[in-house]
Amino acid sequence: NYYLFVKLYTIDDHRFDYRKEYIPTSIKPVNAALLVQLAKDYMKPDAQILDPFCGVGTMLIERQKVIKGNTSYGIDHSPEAIEKAIINTNLADQIIHYINKDFFSFSHEYLFDEIFTEMPYVSGQKSEAAILDVYKNFFPAAKRLLGPEGTIIMYTRNREYVDNLYRKHYFNLIKEWKITEKPESWLMIFRV
């Protein structure tokens, strides 16, 4: 199980030119593109899409490049990340609505078809206990915001937290891929 990528430096590659802005925890656009390709069979065309931890918008932008959604919303608690997401989205010539807010206090007038996100992980800014709290609160919030047969497409470095929590909130694991060994990371697909 490995992925082979070849970059030919003699050929100009403008695929990720939209990604001018980033923060230290931003996913690399090539990794986001890989995750979208793996998950594309589980994405719904014309979906209402939500990324609750959108950072600079890379996951939503890459998702829209493969299968167009109807409306996309990105939420992040960092004003800096939201400002940078808007710049990247404009460069990608896409329309994505960004909201500077904490996901767990977010509400919306309609339900979403899909949550597509990279989950937060332990870093210099977030402790293990803080990340565990995010996971404990994520599934109830997702349940509240997803419509019938809603889908979660989740990239995570904390599979043990996910395994302990998703069943308690009546989600079914549909598919999973191990993406990296060290640090261990997973792409997981859930349905209500």
C-alpha atoms as a PDB file:
ATOM      1  CA  ASN A   1       0.000   0.000   0.000  1.00  0.00           C
ATOM      2  CA  TYR A   2       1.821   3.042  -1.248  1.00  0.00           C
ATOM      3  CA  TYR A   3       1.227   5.992  -3.525  1.00  0.00           C
ATOM      4  CA  LEU A   4       3.833   6.932  -6.098  1.00  0.00           C
ATOM      5  CA  PHE A   5       4.000  10.551  -7.234  1.00  0.00           C
ATOM      6  CA  VAL A   6       6.404  11.848  -9.855  1.00  0.00           C
ATOM      7  CA  LYS A   7       7.023  15.545 -10.340  1.00  0.00           C
ATOM      8  CA  LEU A   8       8.806  16.449 -13.538  1.00  0.00           C
ATOM      9  CA  TYR A   9      10.570  19.725 -12.884  1.00  0.00           C
ATOM     10  CA  THR A  10      11.015  20.364 -16.601  1.00  0.00           C
ATOM     11  CA  ILE A  11       7.249  20.806 -17.008  1.00  0.00           C
ATOM     12  CA  ASP A  12       5.579  23.846 -15.468  1.00  0.00           C
ATOM     13  CA  ASP A  13       2.856  22.768 -13.058  1.00  0.00           C
ATOM     14  CA  HIS A  14       0.204  25.379 -12.287  1.00  0.00           C
ATOM     15  CA  ARG A  15      -2.304  22.981 -10.711  1.00  0.00           C
ATOM     16  CA  PHE A  16      -2.010  24.523  -7.241  1.00  0.00           C
ATOM     17  CA  ASP A  17      -1.298  28.155  -8.153  1.00  0.00           C
ATOM     18  CA  TYR A  18      -4.406  29.204  -6.218  1.00  0.00           C
ATOM     19  CA  ARG A  19      -2.710  28.239  -2.951  1.00  0.00           C
ATOM     20  CA  LYS A  20      -0.820  31.441  -2.168  1.00  0.00           C
ATOM     21  CA  GLU A  21      -1.821  31.716   1.483  1.00  0.00           C
ATOM     22  CA  TYR A  22      -1.375  29.180   4.280  1.00  0.00           C
ATOM     23  CA  ILE A  23      -0.954  28.782   8.027  1.00  0.00           C
ATOM     24  CA  PRO A  24       1.383  26.308   9.793  1.00  0.00           C
ATOM     25  CA  THR A  25      -1.326  23.640  10.145  1.00  0.00           C
ATOM     26  CA  SER A  26      -2.551  23.889   6.525  1.00  0.00           C
ATOM     27  CA  ILE A  27      -2.847  20.671   4.568  1.00  0.00           C
ATOM     28  CA  LYS A  28      -0.680  20.570   1.466  1.00  0.00           C
ATOM     29  CA  PRO A  29      -2.823  20.968  -1.640  1.00  0.00           C
ATOM     30  CA  VAL A  30      -1.417  17.819  -3.226  1.00  0.00           C
ATOM     31  CA  ASN A  31      -2.524  15.846  -0.138  1.00  0.00           C
ATOM     32  CA  ALA A  32      -5.991  17.410  -0.244  1.00  0.00           C
ATOM     33  CA  ALA A  33      -6.238  16.498  -3.945  1.00  0.00           C
ATOM     34  CA  LEU A  34      -5.322  12.881  -3.134  1.00  0.00           C
ATOM     35  CA  LEU A  35      -7.994  12.683  -0.419  1.00  0.00           C
ATOM     36  CA  VAL A  36     -10.634  14.069  -2.775  1.00  0.00           C
ATOM     37  CA  GLN A  37      -9.731  11.538  -5.467  1.00  0.00           C
ATOM     38  CA  LEU A  38     -10.007   8.666  -2.978  1.00  0.00           C
ATOM     39  CA  ALA A  39     -13.369   9.925  -1.654  1.00  0.00           C
ATOM     40  CA  LYS A  40     -14.980  11.009  -4.938  1.00  0.00           C
ATOM     41  CA  ASP A  41     -17.233   7.940  -5.207  1.00  0.00           C
ATOM     42  CA  TYR A  42     -18.818   8.978  -1.885  1.00  0.00           C
ATOM     43  CA  MET A  43     -19.386  12.625  -2.796  1.00  0.00           C
ATOM     44  CA  LYS A  44     -22.737  13.822  -4.039  1.00  0.00           C
ATOM     45  CA  PRO A  45     -22.983  16.219  -6.993  1.00  0.00           C
ATOM     46  CA  ASP A  46     -24.765  19.478  -6.194  1.00  0.00           C
ATOM     47  CA  ALA A  47     -24.311  18.850  -2.457  1.00  0.00           C
ATOM     48  CA  GLN A  48     -24.497  21.341   0.397  1.00  0.00           C
ATOM     49  CA  ILE A  49     -20.967  21.008   1.834  1.00  0.00           C
ATOM     50  CA  LEU A  50     -19.488  22.077   5.165  1.00  0.00           C
ATOM     51  CA  ASP A  51     -15.874  22.102   6.340  1.00  0.00           C
ATOM     52  CA  PRO A  52     -15.994  22.847  10.078  1.00  0.00           C
ATOM     53  CA  PHE A  53     -12.208  23.292  10.395  1.00  0.00           C
ATOM     54  CA  CYS A  54     -11.503  24.834   7.004  1.00  0.00           C
ATOM     55  CA  GLY A  55      -8.211  26.598   7.662  1.00  0.00           C
ATOM     56  CA  VAL A  56      -7.227  28.306   4.396  1.00  0.00           C
ATOM     57  CA  GLY A  57      -9.907  26.498   2.358  1.00  0.00           C
ATOM     58  CA  THR A  58      -7.781  23.903   0.571  1.00  0.00           C
ATOM     59  CA  MET A  59     -10.068  20.902   1.196  1.00  0.00           C
ATOM     60  CA  LEU A  60     -13.167  22.733  -0.053  1.00  0.00           C
ATOM     61  CA  ILE A  61     -11.376  24.130  -3.100  1.00  0.00           C
ATOM     62  CA  GLU A  62     -10.054  20.692  -4.063  1.00  0.00           C
ATOM     63  CA  ARG A  63     -13.452  19.088  -3.452  1.00  0.00           C
ATOM     64  CA  GLN A  64     -15.106  21.610  -5.796  1.00  0.00           C
ATOM     65  CA  LYS A  65     -12.518  20.915  -8.516  1.00  0.00           C
ATOM     66  CA  VAL A  66     -13.557  17.240  -8.702  1.00  0.00           C
ATOM     67  CA  ILE A  67     -17.333  17.274  -8.130  1.00  0.00           C
ATOM     68  CA  LYS A  68     -19.145  20.600  -8.040  1.00  0.00           C
ATOM     69  CA  GLY A  69     -21.225  21.191  -4.977  1.00  0.00           C
ATOM     70  CA  ASN A  70     -24.221  23.476  -4.746  1.00  0.00           C
ATOM     71  CA  THR A  71     -23.110  25.586  -1.790  1.00  0.00           C
ATOM     72  CA  SER A  72     -19.947  25.273   0.270  1.00  0.00           C
ATOM     73  CA  TYR A  73     -19.320  26.705   3.729  1.00  0.00           C
ATOM     74  CA  GLY A  74     -16.008  26.818   5.563  1.00  0.00           C
ATOM     75  CA  ILE A  75     -15.849  27.577   9.275  1.00  0.00           C
ATOM     76  CA  ASP A  76     -12.747  28.346  11.280  1.00  0.00           C
ATOM     77  CA  HIS A  77     -12.129  30.009  14.644  1.00  0.00           C
ATOM     78  CA  SER A  78      -9.052  31.823  13.272  1.00  0.00           C
ATOM     79  CA  PRO A  79      -9.692  35.191  11.580  1.00  0.00           C
ATOM     80  CA  GLU A  80      -6.284  34.895   9.879  1.00  0.00           C
ATOM     81  CA  ALA A  81      -7.200  31.511   8.356  1.00  0.00           C
ATOM     82  CA  ILE A  82     -10.525  32.853   7.076  1.00  0.00           C
ATOM     83  CA  GLU A  83      -8.849  35.885   5.453  1.00  0.00           C
ATOM     84  CA  LYS A  84      -6.351  33.590   3.740  1.00  0.00           C
ATOM     85  CA  ALA A  85      -9.093  31.167   2.676  1.00  0.00           C
ATOM     86  CA  ILE A  86     -10.918  34.006   0.926  1.00  0.00           C
ATOM     87  CA  ILE A  87      -7.759  34.966  -0.981  1.00  0.00           C
ATOM     88  CA  ASN A  88      -7.097  31.342  -2.056  1.00  0.00           C
ATOM     89  CA  THR A  89     -10.724  30.828  -3.072  1.00  0.00           C
ATOM     90  CA  ASN A  90     -10.716  33.974  -5.200  1.00  0.00           C
ATOM     91  CA  LEU A  91      -7.506  32.804  -6.904  1.00  0.00           C
ATOM     92  CA  ALA A  92      -9.182  29.430  -7.571  1.00  0.00           C
ATOM     93  CA  ASP A  93     -12.124  31.324  -9.109  1.00  0.00           C
ATOM     94  CA  GLN A  94     -14.616  29.585  -6.840  1.00  0.00           C
ATOM     95  CA  ILE A  95     -17.452  30.654  -4.566  1.00  0.00           C
ATOM     96  CA  ILE A  96     -17.193  29.378  -1.009  1.00  0.00           C
ATOM     97  CA  HIS A  97     -18.770  31.073   1.996  1.00  0.00           C
ATOM     98  CA  TYR A  98     -16.431  31.465   4.965  1.00  0.00           C
ATOM     99  CA  ILE A  99     -17.454  32.134   8.552  1.00  0.00           C
ATOM    100  CA  ASN A 100     -15.122  33.064  11.400  1.00  0.00           C
ATOM    101  CA  LYS A 101     -16.776  31.116  14.203  1.00  0.00           C
ATOM    102  CA  ASP A 102     -16.366  28.103  16.439  1.00  0.00           C
ATOM    103  CA  PHE A 103     -17.906  25.066  14.736  1.00  0.00           C
ATOM    104  CA  PHE A 104     -19.632  23.867  17.886  1.00  0.00           C
ATOM    105  CA  SER A 105     -21.722  27.035  18.192  1.00  0.00           C
ATOM    106  CA  PHE A 106     -22.523  27.170  14.451  1.00  0.00           C
ATOM    107  CA  SER A 107     -26.108  26.748  13.256  1.00  0.00           C
ATOM    108  CA  HIS A 108     -27.615  27.093   9.817  1.00  0.00           C
ATOM    109  CA  GLU A 109     -31.074  27.446   8.285  1.00  0.00           C
ATOM    110  CA  TYR A 110     -30.759  24.220   6.280  1.00  0.00           C
ATOM    111  CA  LEU A 111     -28.980  20.900   6.769  1.00  0.00           C
ATOM    112  CA  PHE A 112     -25.854  19.863   4.907  1.00  0.00           C
ATOM    113  CA  ASP A 113     -25.351  16.803   2.695  1.00  0.00           C
ATOM    114  CA  GLU A 114     -21.673  16.467   3.430  1.00  0.00           C
ATOM    115  CA  ILE A 115     -19.006  17.381   5.925  1.00  0.00           C
ATOM    116  CA  PHE A 116     -15.571  17.242   4.308  1.00  0.00           C
ATOM    117  CA  THR A 117     -12.749  18.088   6.703  1.00  0.00           C
ATOM    118  CA  GLU A 118      -9.282  17.576   8.047  1.00  0.00           C
ATOM    119  CA  MET A 119      -9.665  17.169  11.805  1.00  0.00           C
ATOM    120  CA  PRO A 120      -7.471  19.240  14.142  1.00  0.00           C
ATOM    121  CA  TYR A 121      -4.500  17.458  15.676  1.00  0.00           C
ATOM    122  CA  VAL A 122      -2.021  17.932  18.504  1.00  0.00           C
ATOM    123  CA  SER A 123       0.330  20.811  17.755  1.00  0.00           C
ATOM    124  CA  GLY A 124       2.094  23.593  19.604  1.00  0.00           C
ATOM    125  CA  GLN A 125      -1.293  25.314  19.935  1.00  0.00           C
ATOM    126  CA  LYS A 126      -3.477  22.315  20.823  1.00  0.00           C
ATOM    127  CA  SER A 127      -2.948  19.753  23.556  1.00  0.00           C
ATOM    128  CA  GLU A 128      -4.007  16.116  23.545  1.00  0.00           C
ATOM    129  CA  ALA A 129      -6.865  16.916  25.958  1.00  0.00           C
ATOM    130  CA  ALA A 130      -8.103  19.765  23.742  1.00  0.00           C
ATOM    131  CA  ILE A 131      -8.089  17.511  20.665  1.00  0.00           C
ATOM    132  CA  LEU A 132      -9.987  14.792  22.525  1.00  0.00           C
ATOM    133  CA  ASP A 133     -12.640  17.399  23.420  1.00  0.00           C
ATOM    134  CA  VAL A 134     -12.915  18.361  19.738  1.00  0.00           C
ATOM    135  CA  TYR A 135     -13.614  14.735  18.822  1.00  0.00           C
ATOM    136  CA  LYS A 136     -16.092  14.249  21.667  1.00  0.00           C
ATOM    137  CA  ASN A 137     -18.070  17.267  20.459  1.00  0.00           C
ATOM    138  CA  PHE A 138     -17.649  16.686  16.721  1.00  0.00           C
ATOM    139  CA  PHE A 139     -20.057  13.790  16.164  1.00  0.00           C
ATOM    140  CA  PRO A 140     -23.025  15.333  18.050  1.00  0.00           C
ATOM    141  CA  ALA A 141     -22.495  18.613  16.149  1.00  0.00           C
ATOM    142  CA  ALA A 142     -22.222  16.756  12.839  1.00  0.00           C
ATOM    143  CA  LYS A 143     -25.419  14.851  13.616  1.00  0.00           C
ATOM    144  CA  ARG A 144     -27.209  18.159  14.259  1.00  0.00           C
ATOM    145  CA  LEU A 145     -26.001  19.721  10.970  1.00  0.00           C
ATOM    146  CA  LEU A 146     -26.248  16.796   8.532  1.00  0.00           C
ATOM    147  CA  GLY A 147     -29.410  15.871   6.677  1.00  0.00           C
ATOM    148  CA  PRO A 148     -30.760  12.343   6.180  1.00  0.00           C
ATOM    149  CA  GLU A 149     -28.095  10.092   4.657  1.00  0.00           C
ATOM    150  CA  GLY A 150     -25.517  12.821   5.296  1.00  0.00           C
ATOM    151  CA  THR A 151     -21.885  11.911   4.737  1.00  0.00           C
ATOM    152  CA  ILE A 152     -18.742  12.742   6.679  1.00  0.00           C
ATOM    153  CA  ILE A 153     -15.467  12.590   4.771  1.00  0.00           C
ATOM    154  CA  MET A 154     -12.826  12.930   7.464  1.00  0.00           C
ATOM    155  CA  TYR A 155      -9.048  13.053   7.348  1.00  0.00           C
ATOM    156  CA  THR A 156      -7.723  12.256  10.819  1.00  0.00           C
ATOM    157  CA  ARG A 157      -4.537  11.542  12.719  1.00  0.00           C
ATOM    158  CA  ASN A 158      -6.526  10.277  15.723  1.00  0.00           C
ATOM    159  CA  ARG A 159      -8.292   7.148  14.586  1.00  0.00           C
ATOM    160  CA  GLU A 160      -8.509   5.811  18.147  1.00  0.00           C
ATOM    161  CA  TYR A 161     -10.726   8.754  19.134  1.00  0.00           C
ATOM    162  CA  VAL A 162     -12.923   8.238  16.083  1.00  0.00           C
ATOM    163  CA  ASP A 163     -13.271   4.499  16.750  1.00  0.00           C
ATOM    164  CA  ASN A 164     -14.437   5.191  20.295  1.00  0.00           C
ATOM    165  CA  LEU A 165     -17.022   7.821  19.367  1.00  0.00           C
ATOM    166  CA  TYR A 166     -18.730   7.464  15.979  1.00  0.00           C
ATOM    167  CA  ARG A 167     -20.978   4.496  16.852  1.00  0.00           C
ATOM    168  CA  LYS A 168     -22.312   6.260  19.959  1.00  0.00           C
ATOM    169  CA  HIS A 169     -23.800   8.894  17.665  1.00  0.00           C
ATOM    170  CA  TYR A 170     -25.301   6.463  15.135  1.00  0.00           C
ATOM    171  CA  PHE A 171     -22.823   6.887  12.301  1.00  0.00           C
ATOM    172  CA  ASN A 172     -21.744   3.971  10.141  1.00  0.00           C
ATOM    173  CA  LEU A 173     -18.191   3.637   8.873  1.00  0.00           C
ATOM    174  CA  ILE A 174     -18.515   3.062   5.121  1.00  0.00           C
ATOM    175  CA  LYS A 175     -14.883   3.084   3.951  1.00  0.00           C
ATOM    176  CA  GLU A 176     -11.412   3.906   5.230  1.00  0.00           C
ATOM    177  CA  TRP A 177      -7.930   4.262   3.787  1.00  0.00           C
ATOM    178  CA  LYS A 178      -4.676   4.410   5.694  1.00  0.00           C
ATOM    179  CA  ILE A 179      -2.872   7.368   4.147  1.00  0.00           C
ATOM    180  CA  THR A 180       0.435   7.479   6.052  1.00  0.00           C
ATOM    181  CA  GLU A 181       2.265   5.261   8.536  1.00  0.00           C
ATOM    182  CA  LYS A 182       4.225   7.900  10.468  1.00  0.00           C
ATOM    183  CA  PRO A 183       2.487   9.905  11.575  1.00  0.00           C
ATOM    184  CA  GLU A 184      -0.424   7.538  11.129  1.00  0.00           C
ATOM    185  CA  SER A 185      -3.296   9.175   9.259  1.00  0.00           C
ATOM    186  CA  TRP A 186      -6.591   7.951   7.839  1.00  0.00           C
ATOM    187  CA  LEU A 187      -9.280   9.014   5.410  1.00  0.00           C
ATOM    188  CA  MET A 188     -12.626   7.776   6.754  1.00  0.00           C
ATOM    189  CA  ILE A 189     -16.136   7.940   5.281  1.00  0.00           C
ATOM    190  CA  PHE A 190     -19.208   7.869   7.544  1.00  0.00           C
ATOM    191  CA  ARG A 191     -22.952   8.031   6.903  1.00  0.00           C
ATOM    192  CA  VAL A 192     -25.761   8.924   9.254  1.00  0.00           C
END
